[in-house]
Amino acid sequence: MDFKELINARRSVNFFDSARGVPENLLREMVAMASQAPSSFNLQPWSLIVVKDPERKKRLQKLAWDQPKVSEAPVILIVLADRDAWQSGHPFVERNFQEMIRAGMMTEEQRDWFKNARESLYGYSDDARQAFANKNSGFFTMGLMLAAKSLGLETHPMDGFDLEGVRREFSIPENYWVPLLLAVGYFKDTESLAPPKWRKTYDEIVVNFK
């Protein structure tokens, strides 16, 4: 399908076929496709916890407003947004800088410039760190949902969960925010798909304040 068909076909489904698992190669392909999302300075401050084990999903369901799809979907992705992924010494920051040198996009002499640029954009406040992590992880998550649909999978992003409870249950370090949980699987075809929800029009989206 072309992109227009893909974006219109993507839905947040509520019913998953618990008897039909997601093949590992398909999950890996989905994540690899989503990893092409843009990010600030290519810092890619996103990670995933993949939850497939039924007992772990049951524990997660209790922390997620007891939503049945947490247990019914074959895969739940806990999306992590790393608020420290701009700091010097972070392994992926250092890897990214070396990769940019290798690609001819930067030189070793620009190390201080790169450090200062990151600090001025993301290090001046807790709000800046949070915005950096969530903004970029949002790009990645939208990529996950569109990649899933292109591969014949369905998804549902979830805000309704106990953040601190999930952090404790899965031993998530404090530098990670958890923007959402993402259910992944196949639609349960014995259920009915709800009609598409309304969307704001162009004229409703575009605003001016002056």
N, C-alpha and C. Protein backbone atom coordinates (compact mmCIF):
# COMPACT_ATOMS: atom_id res chain seq x y z
N MET A 1 0.83 -1.20 0.00
CA MET A 1 0.00 0.00 0.00
C MET A 1 0.87 1.25 0.00
N ASP A 2 0.40 2.34 -0.63
CA ASP A 2 1.17 3.57 -0.61
C ASP A 2 0.96 4.27 0.74
N PHE A 3 1.67 5.39 0.94
CA PHE A 3 1.63 6.01 2.26
C PHE A 3 0.25 6.53 2.63
N LYS A 4 -0.47 7.07 1.66
CA LYS A 4 -1.82 7.58 1.96
C LYS A 4 -2.71 6.44 2.45
N GLU A 5 -2.63 5.30 1.80
CA GLU A 5 -3.41 4.14 2.24
C GLU A 5 -2.96 3.68 3.62
N LEU A 6 -1.65 3.68 3.85
CA LEU A 6 -1.09 3.22 5.12
C LEU A 6 -1.54 4.10 6.28
N ILE A 7 -1.42 5.41 6.11
CA ILE A 7 -1.75 6.33 7.21
C ILE A 7 -3.25 6.29 7.51
N ASN A 8 -4.07 6.06 6.49
CA ASN A 8 -5.51 5.98 6.72
C ASN A 8 -5.94 4.63 7.27
N ALA A 9 -5.15 3.60 7.01
CA ALA A 9 -5.50 2.25 7.48
C ALA A 9 -5.06 2.00 8.91
N ARG A 10 -4.05 2.74 9.38
CA ARG A 10 -3.57 2.51 10.74
C ARG A 10 -4.65 2.88 11.74
N ARG A 11 -4.88 1.98 12.68
CA ARG A 11 -5.88 2.21 13.70
C ARG A 11 -5.32 1.75 15.05
N SER A 12 -5.88 2.28 16.11
CA SER A 12 -5.57 1.79 17.45
C SER A 12 -6.65 0.76 17.80
N VAL A 13 -6.30 -0.51 17.67
CA VAL A 13 -7.31 -1.56 17.84
C VAL A 13 -7.37 -2.00 19.30
N ASN A 14 -8.53 -2.44 19.72
CA ASN A 14 -8.73 -2.85 21.11
C ASN A 14 -8.75 -4.36 21.30
N PHE A 15 -8.85 -5.12 20.20
CA PHE A 15 -8.99 -6.57 20.33
C PHE A 15 -7.88 -7.27 19.55
N PHE A 16 -7.12 -8.09 20.25
CA PHE A 16 -6.01 -8.80 19.64
C PHE A 16 -6.25 -10.30 19.70
N ASP A 17 -5.77 -11.00 18.68
CA ASP A 17 -5.85 -12.46 18.64
C ASP A 17 -4.72 -13.03 19.49
N SER A 18 -5.07 -13.46 20.70
CA SER A 18 -4.05 -13.94 21.63
C SER A 18 -3.45 -15.28 21.20
N ALA A 19 -4.11 -15.97 20.26
CA ALA A 19 -3.60 -17.27 19.81
C ALA A 19 -2.60 -17.13 18.66
N ARG A 20 -2.43 -15.94 18.16
CA ARG A 20 -1.55 -15.72 17.00
C ARG A 20 -0.38 -14.85 17.41
N GLY A 21 0.78 -15.46 17.55
CA GLY A 21 1.96 -14.73 17.97
C GLY A 21 2.58 -13.91 16.86
N VAL A 22 3.41 -12.97 17.25
CA VAL A 22 4.17 -12.16 16.29
C VAL A 22 5.53 -12.82 16.08
N PRO A 23 5.85 -13.28 14.88
CA PRO A 23 7.15 -13.91 14.64
C PRO A 23 8.30 -12.96 15.00
N GLU A 24 9.35 -13.52 15.56
CA GLU A 24 10.49 -12.71 16.00
C GLU A 24 11.08 -11.91 14.86
N ASN A 25 11.18 -12.52 13.68
CA ASN A 25 11.77 -11.80 12.54
C ASN A 25 10.93 -10.61 12.13
N LEU A 26 9.59 -10.74 12.28
CA LEU A 26 8.71 -9.63 11.92
C LEU A 26 8.83 -8.49 12.94
N LEU A 27 8.94 -8.84 14.22
CA LEU A 27 9.13 -7.83 15.26
C LEU A 27 10.45 -7.08 15.04
N ARG A 28 11.49 -7.83 14.72
CA ARG A 28 12.80 -7.20 14.47
C ARG A 28 12.74 -6.28 13.25
N GLU A 29 12.04 -6.71 12.22
CA GLU A 29 11.91 -5.87 11.02
C GLU A 29 11.15 -4.60 11.35
N MET A 30 10.10 -4.71 12.13
CA MET A 30 9.31 -3.55 12.53
C MET A 30 10.17 -2.53 13.28
N VAL A 31 10.96 -3.00 14.23
CA VAL A 31 11.81 -2.10 15.02
C VAL A 31 12.89 -1.49 14.14
N ALA A 32 13.47 -2.30 13.25
CA ALA A 32 14.50 -1.77 12.35
C ALA A 32 13.94 -0.68 11.44
N MET A 33 12.74 -0.86 10.95
CA MET A 33 12.11 0.17 10.11
C MET A 33 11.87 1.44 10.92
N ALA A 34 11.37 1.29 12.14
CA ALA A 34 11.09 2.45 12.97
C ALA A 34 12.34 3.20 13.36
N SER A 35 13.46 2.48 13.44
CA SER A 35 14.72 3.11 13.86
C SER A 35 15.24 4.12 12.85
N GLN A 36 14.62 4.16 11.67
CA GLN A 36 15.01 5.16 10.68
C GLN A 36 14.38 6.53 10.98
N ALA A 37 13.61 6.63 12.05
CA ALA A 37 13.01 7.91 12.43
C ALA A 37 14.09 8.95 12.70
N PRO A 38 13.79 10.22 12.43
CA PRO A 38 14.77 11.27 12.73
C PRO A 38 14.90 11.49 14.23
N SER A 39 16.06 12.00 14.64
CA SER A 39 16.25 12.39 16.04
C SER A 39 17.27 13.51 16.11
N SER A 40 17.22 14.27 17.18
CA SER A 40 18.13 15.41 17.36
C SER A 40 19.58 14.93 17.34
N PHE A 41 20.38 15.48 16.43
CA PHE A 41 21.78 15.09 16.28
C PHE A 41 21.95 13.58 16.13
N ASN A 42 20.90 12.90 15.69
CA ASN A 42 20.91 11.44 15.55
C ASN A 42 21.21 10.73 16.87
N LEU A 43 20.79 11.32 17.99
CA LEU A 43 21.11 10.76 19.30
C LEU A 43 20.23 9.57 19.67
N GLN A 44 19.08 9.42 19.02
CA GLN A 44 18.24 8.23 19.17
C GLN A 44 18.00 7.85 20.64
N PRO A 45 17.36 8.72 21.42
CA PRO A 45 17.20 8.46 22.85
C PRO A 45 16.04 7.52 23.18
N TRP A 46 15.90 6.46 22.40
CA TRP A 46 14.80 5.54 22.61
C TRP A 46 15.31 4.13 22.86
N SER A 47 14.58 3.41 23.66
CA SER A 47 14.82 1.99 23.91
C SER A 47 13.47 1.32 24.10
N LEU A 48 13.48 -0.01 24.09
CA LEU A 48 12.25 -0.78 24.27
C LEU A 48 12.48 -1.92 25.24
N ILE A 49 11.49 -2.19 26.06
CA ILE A 49 11.41 -3.45 26.78
C ILE A 49 10.32 -4.27 26.09
N VAL A 50 10.66 -5.47 25.63
CA VAL A 50 9.72 -6.33 24.92
C VAL A 50 9.13 -7.32 25.92
N VAL A 51 7.82 -7.27 26.08
CA VAL A 51 7.14 -8.14 27.05
C VAL A 51 6.27 -9.14 26.29
N LYS A 52 6.63 -10.42 26.39
CA LYS A 52 5.88 -11.49 25.75
C LYS A 52 5.38 -12.53 26.74
N ASP A 53 6.11 -12.71 27.82
CA ASP A 53 5.77 -13.73 28.80
C ASP A 53 4.39 -13.46 29.42
N PRO A 54 3.49 -14.44 29.41
CA PRO A 54 2.12 -14.21 29.92
C PRO A 54 2.08 -13.71 31.36
N GLU A 55 2.94 -14.21 32.23
CA GLU A 55 2.92 -13.78 33.62
C GLU A 55 3.36 -12.32 33.75
N ARG A 56 4.37 -11.96 32.99
CA ARG A 56 4.84 -10.56 33.01
C ARG A 56 3.76 -9.64 32.46
N LYS A 57 3.06 -10.10 31.43
CA LYS A 57 1.97 -9.28 30.87
C LYS A 57 0.83 -9.13 31.87
N LYS A 58 0.53 -10.16 32.62
CA LYS A 58 -0.52 -10.06 33.64
C LYS A 58 -0.15 -9.03 34.70
N ARG A 59 1.11 -9.05 35.12
CA ARG A 59 1.55 -8.06 36.12
C ARG A 59 1.49 -6.65 35.54
N LEU A 60 1.85 -6.54 34.27
CA LEU A 60 1.79 -5.23 33.62
C LEU A 60 0.34 -4.78 33.46
N GLN A 61 -0.55 -5.71 33.16
CA GLN A 61 -1.97 -5.36 33.00
C GLN A 61 -2.53 -4.74 34.27
N LYS A 62 -2.15 -5.26 35.42
CA LYS A 62 -2.63 -4.71 36.69
C LYS A 62 -2.18 -3.27 36.88
N LEU A 63 -1.04 -2.93 36.28
CA LEU A 63 -0.51 -1.57 36.39
C LEU A 63 -1.03 -0.66 35.28
N ALA A 64 -1.77 -1.23 34.34
CA ALA A 64 -2.23 -0.48 33.17
C ALA A 64 -3.75 -0.45 33.13
N TRP A 65 -4.35 -0.05 34.25
CA TRP A 65 -5.80 0.12 34.35
C TRP A 65 -6.54 -1.18 34.03
N ASP A 66 -5.84 -2.28 34.18
CA ASP A 66 -6.41 -3.61 33.94
C ASP A 66 -6.99 -3.75 32.52
N GLN A 67 -6.34 -3.12 31.55
CA GLN A 67 -6.80 -3.20 30.16
C GLN A 67 -6.56 -4.61 29.62
N PRO A 68 -7.59 -5.31 29.16
CA PRO A 68 -7.42 -6.69 28.70
C PRO A 68 -6.41 -6.85 27.57
N LYS A 69 -6.30 -5.84 26.70
CA LYS A 69 -5.39 -5.98 25.57
C LYS A 69 -3.93 -6.12 25.98
N VAL A 70 -3.60 -5.73 27.21
CA VAL A 70 -2.21 -5.90 27.67
C VAL A 70 -1.86 -7.39 27.75
N SER A 71 -2.82 -8.20 28.16
CA SER A 71 -2.60 -9.64 28.19
C SER A 71 -2.91 -10.31 26.86
N GLU A 72 -3.89 -9.78 26.14
CA GLU A 72 -4.32 -10.42 24.90
C GLU A 72 -3.35 -10.22 23.76
N ALA A 73 -2.74 -9.05 23.65
CA ALA A 73 -1.77 -8.81 22.58
C ALA A 73 -0.55 -9.70 22.80
N PRO A 74 -0.02 -10.32 21.76
CA PRO A 74 1.13 -11.19 21.95
C PRO A 74 2.40 -10.46 22.38
N VAL A 75 2.49 -9.18 22.04
CA VAL A 75 3.68 -8.39 22.39
C VAL A 75 3.24 -7.05 22.96
N ILE A 76 3.84 -6.68 24.08
CA ILE A 76 3.71 -5.31 24.59
C ILE A 76 5.10 -4.69 24.61
N LEU A 77 5.21 -3.52 24.02
CA LEU A 77 6.46 -2.78 24.02
C LEU A 77 6.37 -1.66 25.05
N ILE A 78 7.28 -1.66 26.00
CA ILE A 78 7.39 -0.53 26.92
C ILE A 78 8.39 0.43 26.30
N VAL A 79 7.90 1.57 25.86
CA VAL A 79 8.76 2.55 25.19
C VAL A 79 9.47 3.38 26.26
N LEU A 80 10.78 3.49 26.10
CA LEU A 80 11.61 4.23 27.05
C LEU A 80 12.24 5.43 26.36
N ALA A 81 12.19 6.57 27.03
CA ALA A 81 12.77 7.81 26.52
C ALA A 81 13.91 8.21 27.47
N ASP A 82 15.12 8.18 26.97
CA ASP A 82 16.31 8.39 27.81
C ASP A 82 16.61 9.89 27.94
N ARG A 83 16.37 10.43 29.12
CA ARG A 83 16.60 11.85 29.37
C ARG A 83 18.07 12.21 29.45
N ASP A 84 18.95 11.21 29.54
CA ASP A 84 20.39 11.45 29.62
C ASP A 84 21.12 11.19 28.31
N ALA A 85 20.40 10.91 27.25
CA ALA A 85 21.03 10.46 26.00
C ALA A 85 21.68 11.58 25.20
N TRP A 86 21.88 12.74 25.81
CA TRP A 86 22.60 13.85 25.18
C TRP A 86 23.92 14.12 25.89
N GLN A 87 24.15 13.49 27.04
CA GLN A 87 25.29 13.83 27.90
C GLN A 87 26.58 13.18 27.44
N SER A 88 27.68 13.90 27.62
CA SER A 88 29.00 13.35 27.32
C SER A 88 29.23 12.10 28.17
N GLY A 89 29.86 11.11 27.57
CA GLY A 89 30.12 9.87 28.28
C GLY A 89 29.05 8.82 28.08
N HIS A 90 27.85 9.24 27.65
CA HIS A 90 26.80 8.27 27.35
C HIS A 90 27.29 7.41 26.18
N PRO A 91 27.18 6.08 26.27
CA PRO A 91 27.76 5.22 25.23
C PRO A 91 27.25 5.51 23.83
N PHE A 92 25.96 5.85 23.68
CA PHE A 92 25.45 6.10 22.35
C PHE A 92 25.79 7.51 21.86
N VAL A 93 26.00 8.44 22.78
CA VAL A 93 26.49 9.76 22.38
C VAL A 93 27.89 9.63 21.80
N GLU A 94 28.73 8.88 22.51
CA GLU A 94 30.11 8.70 22.03
C GLU A 94 30.14 7.90 20.74
N ARG A 95 29.31 6.88 20.64
CA ARG A 95 29.23 6.10 19.39
C ARG A 95 28.77 6.99 18.25
N ASN A 96 27.78 7.82 18.49
CA ASN A 96 27.25 8.70 17.46
C ASN A 96 28.32 9.67 16.95
N PHE A 97 29.10 10.22 17.89
CA PHE A 97 30.14 11.17 17.49
C PHE A 97 31.19 10.47 16.62
N GLN A 98 31.58 9.28 17.01
CA GLN A 98 32.58 8.54 16.23
C GLN A 98 32.02 8.17 14.85
N GLU A 99 30.73 7.83 14.79
CA GLU A 99 30.12 7.50 13.50
C GLU A 99 30.07 8.73 12.59
N MET A 100 29.83 9.91 13.18
CA MET A 100 29.81 11.13 12.38
C MET A 100 31.20 11.47 11.86
N ILE A 101 32.21 11.21 12.67
CA ILE A 101 33.58 11.40 12.19
C ILE A 101 33.87 10.45 11.03
N ARG A 102 33.47 9.19 11.20
CA ARG A 102 33.71 8.18 10.17
C ARG A 102 33.00 8.54 8.86
N ALA A 103 31.82 9.16 8.98
CA ALA A 103 31.06 9.54 7.79
C ALA A 103 31.52 10.87 7.19
N GLY A 104 32.49 11.54 7.84
CA GLY A 104 32.98 12.81 7.34
C GLY A 104 32.10 13.99 7.67
N MET A 105 31.15 13.80 8.60
CA MET A 105 30.23 14.88 8.96
C MET A 105 30.78 15.76 10.06
N MET A 106 31.73 15.25 10.85
CA MET A 106 32.38 16.01 11.91
C MET A 106 33.84 15.59 12.00
N THR A 107 34.60 16.38 12.73
CA THR A 107 36.00 16.04 13.00
C THR A 107 36.21 15.99 14.50
N GLU A 108 37.29 15.40 14.92
CA GLU A 108 37.60 15.32 16.35
C GLU A 108 37.69 16.71 16.97
N GLU A 109 38.11 17.70 16.19
CA GLU A 109 38.23 19.06 16.69
C GLU A 109 36.88 19.69 17.02
N GLN A 110 35.81 19.08 16.58
CA GLN A 110 34.47 19.61 16.86
C GLN A 110 33.82 19.00 18.10
N ARG A 111 34.59 18.22 18.84
CA ARG A 111 34.03 17.55 20.03
C ARG A 111 33.45 18.56 21.01
N ASP A 112 34.18 19.63 21.31
CA ASP A 112 33.68 20.63 22.27
C ASP A 112 32.46 21.36 21.72
N TRP A 113 32.47 21.65 20.42
CA TRP A 113 31.30 22.31 19.83
C TRP A 113 30.08 21.42 19.98
N PHE A 114 30.24 20.14 19.70
CA PHE A 114 29.13 19.19 19.79
C PHE A 114 28.62 19.09 21.23
N LYS A 115 29.53 19.07 22.17
CA LYS A 115 29.16 19.01 23.59
C LYS A 115 28.38 20.27 23.99
N ASN A 116 28.90 21.43 23.61
CA ASN A 116 28.24 22.69 23.98
C ASN A 116 26.86 22.82 23.33
N ALA A 117 26.76 22.36 22.08
CA ALA A 117 25.47 22.44 21.39
C ALA A 117 24.43 21.58 22.10
N ARG A 118 24.83 20.38 22.50
CA ARG A 118 23.88 19.50 23.19
C ARG A 118 23.48 20.08 24.54
N GLU A 119 24.44 20.61 25.26
CA GLU A 119 24.14 21.18 26.57
C GLU A 119 23.23 22.40 26.47
N SER A 120 23.45 23.24 25.46
CA SER A 120 22.64 24.44 25.33
C SER A 120 21.21 24.12 24.91
N LEU A 121 21.03 23.03 24.19
CA LEU A 121 19.69 22.66 23.73
C LEU A 121 18.92 21.80 24.74
N TYR A 122 19.62 20.89 25.40
CA TYR A 122 18.94 19.87 26.20
C TYR A 122 19.32 19.85 27.67
N GLY A 123 20.41 20.54 28.04
CA GLY A 123 20.91 20.40 29.39
C GLY A 123 20.62 21.54 30.33
N TYR A 124 19.87 22.53 29.88
CA TYR A 124 19.70 23.73 30.72
C TYR A 124 18.59 23.61 31.75
N SER A 125 17.74 22.57 31.65
CA SER A 125 16.66 22.40 32.63
C SER A 125 16.11 20.99 32.55
N ASP A 126 15.39 20.60 33.59
CA ASP A 126 14.72 19.30 33.57
C ASP A 126 13.67 19.25 32.47
N ASP A 127 13.00 20.38 32.23
CA ASP A 127 12.00 20.42 31.16
C ASP A 127 12.64 20.17 29.80
N ALA A 128 13.82 20.72 29.59
CA ALA A 128 14.51 20.53 28.30
C ALA A 128 14.91 19.07 28.11
N ARG A 129 15.39 18.45 29.19
CA ARG A 129 15.75 17.02 29.12
C ARG A 129 14.53 16.17 28.80
N GLN A 130 13.41 16.51 29.47
CA GLN A 130 12.17 15.74 29.26
C GLN A 130 11.67 15.92 27.83
N ALA A 131 11.67 17.14 27.35
CA ALA A 131 11.20 17.42 26.00
C ALA A 131 12.06 16.71 24.97
N PHE A 132 13.36 16.74 25.15
CA PHE A 132 14.29 16.05 24.25
C PHE A 132 13.96 14.57 24.16
N ALA A 133 13.81 13.93 25.30
CA ALA A 133 13.56 12.49 25.33
C ALA A 133 12.22 12.13 24.71
N ASN A 134 11.17 12.86 25.12
CA ASN A 134 9.83 12.51 24.66
C ASN A 134 9.60 12.85 23.19
N LYS A 135 10.11 14.00 22.76
CA LYS A 135 9.94 14.40 21.37
C LYS A 135 10.53 13.36 20.42
N ASN A 136 11.76 13.00 20.67
CA ASN A 136 12.43 12.07 19.77
C ASN A 136 11.85 10.66 19.86
N SER A 137 11.50 10.23 21.06
CA SER A 137 10.89 8.91 21.21
C SER A 137 9.51 8.86 20.57
N GLY A 138 8.84 10.02 20.51
CA GLY A 138 7.56 10.09 19.81
C GLY A 138 7.71 9.83 18.32
N PHE A 139 8.77 10.39 17.72
CA PHE A 139 9.04 10.11 16.30
C PHE A 139 9.20 8.60 16.09
N PHE A 140 9.99 7.99 16.96
CA PHE A 140 10.27 6.56 16.87
C PHE A 140 9.00 5.74 17.03
N THR A 141 8.16 6.12 17.99
CA THR A 141 6.94 5.35 18.25
C THR A 141 5.96 5.44 17.09
N MET A 142 5.83 6.62 16.48
CA MET A 142 4.98 6.70 15.31
C MET A 142 5.51 5.81 14.20
N GLY A 143 6.84 5.74 14.09
CA GLY A 143 7.46 4.84 13.13
C GLY A 143 7.12 3.39 13.42
N LEU A 144 7.11 3.02 14.70
CA LEU A 144 6.74 1.65 15.08
C LEU A 144 5.33 1.31 14.61
N MET A 145 4.40 2.23 14.82
CA MET A 145 3.00 1.96 14.47
C MET A 145 2.79 1.86 12.97
N LEU A 146 3.46 2.74 12.21
CA LEU A 146 3.32 2.68 10.76
C LEU A 146 4.05 1.47 10.19
N ALA A 147 5.22 1.15 10.74
CA ALA A 147 5.94 -0.04 10.30
C ALA A 147 5.11 -1.29 10.56
N ALA A 148 4.51 -1.36 11.75
CA ALA A 148 3.68 -2.51 12.09
C ALA A 148 2.56 -2.69 11.07
N LYS A 149 1.85 -1.60 10.77
CA LYS A 149 0.74 -1.69 9.82
C LYS A 149 1.22 -2.15 8.46
N SER A 150 2.36 -1.66 8.02
CA SER A 150 2.89 -2.05 6.71
C SER A 150 3.24 -3.53 6.65
N LEU A 151 3.49 -4.14 7.81
CA LEU A 151 3.85 -5.56 7.89
C LEU A 151 2.64 -6.44 8.22
N GLY A 152 1.45 -5.85 8.24
CA GLY A 152 0.25 -6.62 8.50
C GLY A 152 -0.10 -6.75 9.97
N LEU A 153 0.54 -5.98 10.83
CA LEU A 153 0.28 -6.02 12.26
C LEU A 153 -0.59 -4.84 12.68
N GLU A 154 -1.19 -4.96 13.85
CA GLU A 154 -1.97 -3.87 14.43
C GLU A 154 -1.34 -3.44 15.75
N THR A 155 -1.65 -2.22 16.17
CA THR A 155 -1.06 -1.68 17.39
C THR A 155 -2.10 -0.89 18.18
N HIS A 156 -1.76 -0.61 19.43
CA HIS A 156 -2.56 0.31 20.24
C HIS A 156 -1.63 0.97 21.26
N PRO A 157 -1.41 2.30 21.14
CA PRO A 157 -0.60 3.00 22.13
C PRO A 157 -1.43 3.28 23.38
N MET A 158 -0.81 3.12 24.54
CA MET A 158 -1.54 3.27 25.80
C MET A 158 -0.85 4.26 26.73
N ASP A 159 -1.63 5.25 27.18
CA ASP A 159 -1.20 6.20 28.19
C ASP A 159 -1.61 5.76 29.59
N GLY A 160 -2.65 4.94 29.66
CA GLY A 160 -3.24 4.61 30.95
C GLY A 160 -2.48 3.56 31.72
N PHE A 161 -1.51 3.98 32.50
CA PHE A 161 -0.75 3.05 33.33
C PHE A 161 -0.09 3.81 34.47
N ASP A 162 0.28 3.07 35.49
CA ASP A 162 0.95 3.60 36.67
C ASP A 162 2.44 3.68 36.36
N LEU A 163 2.91 4.89 36.07
CA LEU A 163 4.30 5.08 35.65
C LEU A 163 5.28 4.53 36.68
N GLU A 164 5.12 4.93 37.93
CA GLU A 164 6.07 4.48 38.95
C GLU A 164 5.94 2.98 39.22
N GLY A 165 4.72 2.46 39.10
CA GLY A 165 4.54 1.03 39.26
C GLY A 165 5.25 0.25 38.18
N VAL A 166 5.14 0.71 36.94
CA VAL A 166 5.83 0.05 35.82
C VAL A 166 7.34 0.17 36.00
N ARG A 167 7.79 1.34 36.45
CA ARG A 167 9.22 1.54 36.68
C ARG A 167 9.75 0.53 37.70
N ARG A 168 9.02 0.35 38.79
CA ARG A 168 9.45 -0.61 39.83
C ARG A 168 9.38 -2.06 39.33
N GLU A 169 8.28 -2.40 38.68
CA GLU A 169 8.07 -3.79 38.25
C GLU A 169 9.14 -4.25 37.27
N PHE A 170 9.60 -3.34 36.40
CA PHE A 170 10.56 -3.71 35.37
C PHE A 170 11.96 -3.13 35.63
N SER A 171 12.18 -2.63 36.85
CA SER A 171 13.51 -2.13 37.27
C SER A 171 14.07 -1.12 36.29
N ILE A 172 13.22 -0.18 35.89
CA ILE A 172 13.63 0.83 34.91
C ILE A 172 14.37 1.96 35.61
N PRO A 173 15.59 2.27 35.20
CA PRO A 173 16.36 3.35 35.84
C PRO A 173 15.68 4.72 35.70
N GLU A 174 16.04 5.62 36.62
CA GLU A 174 15.38 6.93 36.69
C GLU A 174 15.61 7.80 35.46
N ASN A 175 16.68 7.58 34.72
CA ASN A 175 16.93 8.43 33.56
C ASN A 175 15.93 8.18 32.43
N TYR A 176 15.20 7.06 32.51
CA TYR A 176 14.22 6.76 31.48
C TYR A 176 12.82 7.21 31.89
N TRP A 177 12.17 7.96 31.02
CA TRP A 177 10.75 8.21 31.13
C TRP A 177 10.03 7.14 30.32
N VAL A 178 8.81 6.82 30.70
CA VAL A 178 8.02 5.84 29.95
C VAL A 178 6.85 6.59 29.30
N PRO A 179 6.99 7.01 28.05
CA PRO A 179 5.92 7.78 27.41
C PRO A 179 4.64 6.98 27.19
N LEU A 180 4.79 5.69 26.88
CA LEU A 180 3.61 4.88 26.58
C LEU A 180 3.96 3.40 26.52
N LEU A 181 2.92 2.59 26.55
CA LEU A 181 3.01 1.17 26.25
C LEU A 181 2.40 0.98 24.86
N LEU A 182 2.94 0.03 24.10
CA LEU A 182 2.43 -0.22 22.75
C LEU A 182 2.10 -1.70 22.59
N ALA A 183 0.80 -1.98 22.44
CA ALA A 183 0.37 -3.36 22.16
C ALA A 183 0.58 -3.64 20.68
N VAL A 184 1.08 -4.85 20.38
CA VAL A 184 1.38 -5.24 18.99
C VAL A 184 0.85 -6.65 18.75
N GLY A 185 0.17 -6.84 17.64
CA GLY A 185 -0.31 -8.18 17.30
C GLY A 185 -1.23 -8.16 16.10
N TYR A 186 -2.09 -9.16 16.04
CA TYR A 186 -3.05 -9.28 14.95
C TYR A 186 -4.46 -9.04 15.48
N PHE A 187 -5.28 -8.39 14.68
CA PHE A 187 -6.64 -8.08 15.09
C PHE A 187 -7.45 -9.37 15.24
N LYS A 188 -8.25 -9.43 16.27
CA LYS A 188 -9.13 -10.59 16.50
C LYS A 188 -10.34 -10.46 15.58
N ASP A 189 -10.36 -11.29 14.53
CA ASP A 189 -11.34 -11.08 13.47
C ASP A 189 -12.77 -11.46 13.84
N THR A 190 -12.96 -11.98 15.03
CA THR A 190 -14.34 -12.22 15.49
C THR A 190 -14.96 -10.96 16.09
N GLU A 191 -14.16 -9.92 16.24
CA GLU A 191 -14.64 -8.65 16.77
C GLU A 191 -14.89 -7.66 15.63
N SER A 192 -15.59 -6.60 15.93
CA SER A 192 -15.86 -5.56 14.93
C SER A 192 -14.91 -4.39 15.16
N LEU A 193 -14.37 -3.88 14.08
CA LEU A 193 -13.50 -2.72 14.16
C LEU A 193 -14.35 -1.47 14.23
N ALA A 194 -14.10 -0.65 15.24
CA ALA A 194 -14.86 0.60 15.38
C ALA A 194 -14.60 1.52 14.20
N PRO A 195 -15.56 2.37 13.84
CA PRO A 195 -15.34 3.31 12.74
C PRO A 195 -14.24 4.30 13.08
N PRO A 196 -13.60 4.87 12.06
CA PRO A 196 -12.55 5.85 12.32
C PRO A 196 -13.08 7.03 13.13
N LYS A 197 -12.23 7.56 14.00
CA LYS A 197 -12.62 8.73 14.80
C LYS A 197 -12.42 10.00 13.99
N TRP A 198 -13.12 11.05 14.42
CA TRP A 198 -13.02 12.33 13.72
C TRP A 198 -11.61 12.89 13.84
N ARG A 199 -11.21 13.69 12.89
CA ARG A 199 -9.92 14.37 12.90
C ARG A 199 -10.14 15.85 12.61
N LYS A 200 -9.34 16.70 13.23
CA LYS A 200 -9.38 18.13 12.95
C LYS A 200 -9.03 18.37 11.48
N THR A 201 -9.66 19.37 10.89
CA THR A 201 -9.38 19.73 9.51
C THR A 201 -8.15 20.64 9.44
N TYR A 202 -7.70 20.89 8.22
CA TYR A 202 -6.58 21.83 8.02
C TYR A 202 -6.88 23.18 8.66
N ASP A 203 -8.07 23.70 8.41
CA ASP A 203 -8.43 25.03 8.93
C ASP A 203 -8.54 25.04 10.45
N GLU A 204 -8.85 23.91 11.04
CA GLU A 204 -8.89 23.83 12.50
C GLU A 204 -7.52 23.64 13.10
N ILE A 205 -6.61 23.07 12.35
CA ILE A 205 -5.25 22.82 12.82
C ILE A 205 -4.40 24.08 12.75
N VAL A 206 -4.54 24.84 11.67
CA VAL A 206 -3.69 26.02 11.46
C VAL A 206 -4.23 27.19 12.29
N VAL A 207 -3.36 27.78 13.12
CA VAL A 207 -3.76 28.89 13.98
C VAL A 207 -2.79 30.04 13.84
N ASN A 208 -3.22 31.22 14.27
CA ASN A 208 -2.38 32.40 14.35
C ASN A 208 -2.70 33.12 15.64
N PHE A 209 -1.70 33.76 16.23
CA PHE A 209 -1.88 34.45 17.51
C PHE A 209 -1.55 35.93 17.41
N LYS A 210 -1.47 36.44 16.21
CA LYS A 210 -1.13 37.86 16.05
C LYS A 210 -2.01 38.47 14.98
